[in-house]
N, C-alpha and C. Protein backbone atom coordinates (compact mmCIF):
# COMPACT_ATOMS: atom_id res chain seq x y z
N MET A 1 98.99 85.76 131.56
CA MET A 1 98.43 85.17 130.35
C MET A 1 99.11 85.77 129.12
N ARG A 2 99.55 84.94 128.24
CA ARG A 2 100.32 85.39 127.08
C ARG A 2 99.46 85.39 125.82
N ARG A 3 99.61 86.44 125.03
CA ARG A 3 98.88 86.52 123.76
C ARG A 3 99.60 85.72 122.69
N THR A 4 98.83 85.13 121.82
CA THR A 4 99.43 84.36 120.73
C THR A 4 99.44 85.13 119.42
N SER A 5 98.60 86.14 119.31
CA SER A 5 98.58 86.93 118.08
C SER A 5 99.13 88.33 118.36
N SER A 6 99.48 89.04 117.29
CA SER A 6 100.02 90.38 117.46
C SER A 6 98.91 91.34 117.86
N PRO A 7 99.25 92.40 118.57
CA PRO A 7 98.26 93.38 118.99
C PRO A 7 97.57 94.01 117.77
N PRO A 8 96.32 94.44 117.91
CA PRO A 8 95.58 94.97 116.77
C PRO A 8 96.13 96.28 116.20
N TYR A 9 96.94 97.00 116.97
CA TYR A 9 97.46 98.27 116.49
C TYR A 9 98.68 98.10 115.57
N ARG A 10 99.23 96.92 115.49
CA ARG A 10 100.37 96.68 114.60
C ARG A 10 99.89 96.39 113.20
N LYS A 11 100.55 97.02 112.24
CA LYS A 11 100.22 96.76 110.84
C LYS A 11 100.90 95.48 110.39
N SER A 12 100.26 94.78 109.51
CA SER A 12 100.85 93.56 108.96
C SER A 12 102.01 93.95 108.05
N THR A 13 103.09 93.20 108.12
CA THR A 13 104.25 93.48 107.26
C THR A 13 104.16 92.71 105.95
N GLU A 14 103.13 91.89 105.82
CA GLU A 14 102.98 91.11 104.60
C GLU A 14 102.26 91.92 103.54
N ASN A 15 102.79 91.92 102.32
CA ASN A 15 102.15 92.57 101.19
C ASN A 15 102.01 91.54 100.09
N PRO A 16 100.98 91.65 99.26
CA PRO A 16 100.82 90.69 98.18
C PRO A 16 102.00 90.75 97.22
N PRO A 17 102.31 89.66 96.51
CA PRO A 17 103.44 89.63 95.60
C PRO A 17 103.39 90.69 94.51
N SER A 18 102.19 91.12 94.13
CA SER A 18 102.06 92.12 93.07
C SER A 18 102.25 93.54 93.59
N ASP A 19 102.54 93.68 94.86
CA ASP A 19 102.74 94.98 95.47
C ASP A 19 104.14 95.49 95.13
N GLY A 20 104.24 96.62 94.48
CA GLY A 20 105.52 97.18 94.06
C GLY A 20 106.36 97.74 95.17
N ARG A 21 105.89 97.65 96.41
CA ARG A 21 106.67 98.18 97.54
C ARG A 21 107.65 97.17 98.10
N GLN A 22 107.51 95.89 97.74
CA GLN A 22 108.40 94.84 98.23
C GLN A 22 109.43 94.49 97.16
N ARG A 23 110.70 94.56 97.51
CA ARG A 23 111.78 94.27 96.57
C ARG A 23 111.85 92.79 96.20
N SER A 24 111.35 91.92 97.08
CA SER A 24 111.48 90.48 96.89
C SER A 24 110.77 89.98 95.63
N GLY A 25 109.72 90.66 95.18
CA GLY A 25 108.99 90.21 94.00
C GLY A 25 109.47 90.86 92.71
N ILE A 26 110.53 91.66 92.80
CA ILE A 26 111.02 92.41 91.64
C ILE A 26 112.45 91.97 91.34
N TYR A 27 112.71 91.61 90.08
CA TYR A 27 114.04 91.17 89.69
C TYR A 27 114.21 91.46 88.19
N PRO A 28 115.44 91.50 87.70
CA PRO A 28 115.66 91.79 86.28
C PRO A 28 114.92 90.82 85.38
N GLY A 29 114.24 91.38 84.39
CA GLY A 29 113.50 90.57 83.44
C GLY A 29 112.01 90.46 83.71
N VAL A 30 111.57 90.80 84.92
CA VAL A 30 110.14 90.70 85.25
C VAL A 30 109.40 91.91 84.64
N LEU A 31 108.17 91.65 84.20
CA LEU A 31 107.33 92.69 83.61
C LEU A 31 106.65 93.49 84.72
N VAL A 32 106.79 94.82 84.68
CA VAL A 32 106.21 95.70 85.70
C VAL A 32 105.57 96.92 85.04
N LYS A 33 104.77 97.62 85.82
CA LYS A 33 104.25 98.92 85.43
C LYS A 33 104.78 99.92 86.42
N ILE A 34 105.41 100.98 85.91
CA ILE A 34 106.01 102.00 86.77
C ILE A 34 105.33 103.35 86.57
N GLU A 35 105.48 104.19 87.59
CA GLU A 35 105.06 105.58 87.48
C GLU A 35 106.33 106.42 87.42
N ARG A 36 106.55 107.07 86.29
CA ARG A 36 107.73 107.93 86.15
C ARG A 36 107.50 109.23 86.90
N LYS A 37 108.57 109.91 87.27
CA LYS A 37 108.49 111.16 88.04
C LYS A 37 107.64 112.20 87.31
N ILE A 38 107.82 112.31 86.01
CA ILE A 38 107.08 113.32 85.26
C ILE A 38 105.60 112.98 85.12
N ASP A 39 105.24 111.71 85.36
CA ASP A 39 103.85 111.28 85.26
C ASP A 39 103.15 111.21 86.61
N GLN A 40 103.82 111.60 87.69
CA GLN A 40 103.22 111.52 89.02
C GLN A 40 101.95 112.35 89.08
N GLY A 41 100.91 111.76 89.62
CA GLY A 41 99.64 112.46 89.77
C GLY A 41 98.72 112.35 88.57
N THR A 42 99.23 111.88 87.43
CA THR A 42 98.39 111.76 86.24
C THR A 42 97.76 110.39 86.13
N GLY A 43 98.35 109.39 86.82
CA GLY A 43 97.84 108.03 86.74
C GLY A 43 98.41 107.25 85.57
N LYS A 44 99.26 107.90 84.76
CA LYS A 44 99.86 107.22 83.61
C LYS A 44 100.95 106.27 84.08
N LEU A 45 100.87 105.02 83.62
CA LEU A 45 101.86 104.00 83.96
C LEU A 45 102.60 103.58 82.70
N THR A 46 103.88 103.28 82.87
CA THR A 46 104.73 102.81 81.78
C THR A 46 105.05 101.35 82.02
N GLU A 47 104.79 100.51 81.03
CA GLU A 47 105.03 99.07 81.18
C GLU A 47 106.35 98.69 80.53
N GLY A 48 107.05 97.76 81.15
CA GLY A 48 108.30 97.28 80.59
C GLY A 48 108.95 96.23 81.48
N LYS A 49 110.09 95.72 80.99
CA LYS A 49 110.84 94.73 81.76
C LYS A 49 111.94 95.42 82.55
N VAL A 50 112.13 94.95 83.78
CA VAL A 50 113.14 95.52 84.67
C VAL A 50 114.54 95.19 84.16
N LYS A 51 115.36 96.22 84.05
CA LYS A 51 116.77 96.04 83.70
C LYS A 51 117.63 96.08 84.97
N GLU A 52 117.27 97.01 85.89
CA GLU A 52 118.08 97.21 87.09
C GLU A 52 117.20 97.72 88.22
N ILE A 53 117.45 97.24 89.43
CA ILE A 53 116.74 97.72 90.62
C ILE A 53 117.59 98.81 91.25
N LEU A 54 117.01 99.99 91.46
CA LEU A 54 117.76 101.13 91.97
C LEU A 54 117.58 101.34 93.47
N THR A 55 116.51 100.83 94.06
CA THR A 55 116.29 100.95 95.50
C THR A 55 117.06 99.86 96.22
N ALA A 56 117.86 100.26 97.20
CA ALA A 56 118.70 99.30 97.92
C ALA A 56 117.93 98.55 99.02
N SER A 57 116.93 99.21 99.61
CA SER A 57 116.21 98.59 100.72
C SER A 57 115.20 97.55 100.23
N SER A 58 114.76 96.67 101.13
CA SER A 58 113.83 95.60 100.77
C SER A 58 112.40 96.09 100.68
N PHE A 59 112.11 97.30 101.20
CA PHE A 59 110.76 97.85 101.19
C PHE A 59 110.85 99.36 101.02
N HIS A 60 109.94 99.92 100.23
CA HIS A 60 109.83 101.37 100.12
C HIS A 60 108.34 101.71 100.05
N PRO A 61 107.87 102.64 100.88
CA PRO A 61 106.43 102.93 100.94
C PRO A 61 105.82 103.47 99.65
N HIS A 62 106.64 104.07 98.79
CA HIS A 62 106.12 104.63 97.53
C HIS A 62 106.40 103.73 96.34
N GLY A 63 107.05 102.61 96.56
CA GLY A 63 107.36 101.68 95.48
C GLY A 63 108.86 101.59 95.24
N ILE A 64 109.31 100.43 94.81
CA ILE A 64 110.72 100.19 94.53
C ILE A 64 111.08 100.90 93.22
N LYS A 65 112.18 101.64 93.24
CA LYS A 65 112.61 102.37 92.04
C LYS A 65 113.42 101.44 91.15
N VAL A 66 113.07 101.42 89.86
CA VAL A 66 113.74 100.55 88.89
C VAL A 66 114.04 101.30 87.60
N ARG A 67 114.96 100.73 86.83
CA ARG A 67 115.22 101.19 85.46
C ARG A 67 114.73 100.09 84.54
N LEU A 68 113.92 100.46 83.56
CA LEU A 68 113.42 99.49 82.60
C LEU A 68 114.42 99.31 81.46
N GLU A 69 114.21 98.27 80.64
CA GLU A 69 115.11 98.00 79.51
C GLU A 69 115.14 99.14 78.50
N ASP A 70 114.06 99.94 78.43
CA ASP A 70 114.03 101.07 77.50
C ASP A 70 114.66 102.35 78.09
N GLY A 71 115.15 102.25 79.34
CA GLY A 71 115.83 103.38 79.97
C GLY A 71 114.95 104.19 80.91
N SER A 72 113.64 103.95 80.92
CA SER A 72 112.73 104.68 81.81
C SER A 72 113.02 104.34 83.25
N VAL A 73 112.94 105.35 84.13
CA VAL A 73 113.15 105.16 85.56
C VAL A 73 111.89 105.59 86.29
N GLY A 74 111.45 104.78 87.24
CA GLY A 74 110.28 105.13 88.03
C GLY A 74 110.05 104.13 89.14
N ARG A 75 108.98 104.36 89.88
CA ARG A 75 108.63 103.48 91.00
C ARG A 75 107.59 102.47 90.56
N VAL A 76 107.79 101.22 90.98
CA VAL A 76 106.91 100.13 90.58
C VAL A 76 105.54 100.30 91.24
N ARG A 77 104.49 100.24 90.43
CA ARG A 77 103.11 100.29 90.91
C ARG A 77 102.46 98.93 90.81
N GLN A 78 102.82 98.12 89.80
CA GLN A 78 102.26 96.80 89.62
C GLN A 78 103.34 95.85 89.09
N VAL A 79 103.30 94.63 89.56
CA VAL A 79 104.21 93.59 89.07
C VAL A 79 103.39 92.59 88.29
N GLY A 80 103.89 92.23 87.12
CA GLY A 80 103.19 91.22 86.32
C GLY A 80 102.34 91.76 85.24
């Protein structure tokens, strides 16, 4: 007998579009909120438009690293 759904122990690979861990929803010009390295742990987010995507992979568990138009570098926490 063959199963039609994935086993319950597998995590879903789908993330919502606003999830900063997926590179597919992030592109130059999109408005994002990032957490800069110096702000880690404080909860402070910096908002701006993406100038350049620095993470090469399509997924990163801590968020895709980007450079904003103002020069700030950090990991995306929210898109939009």
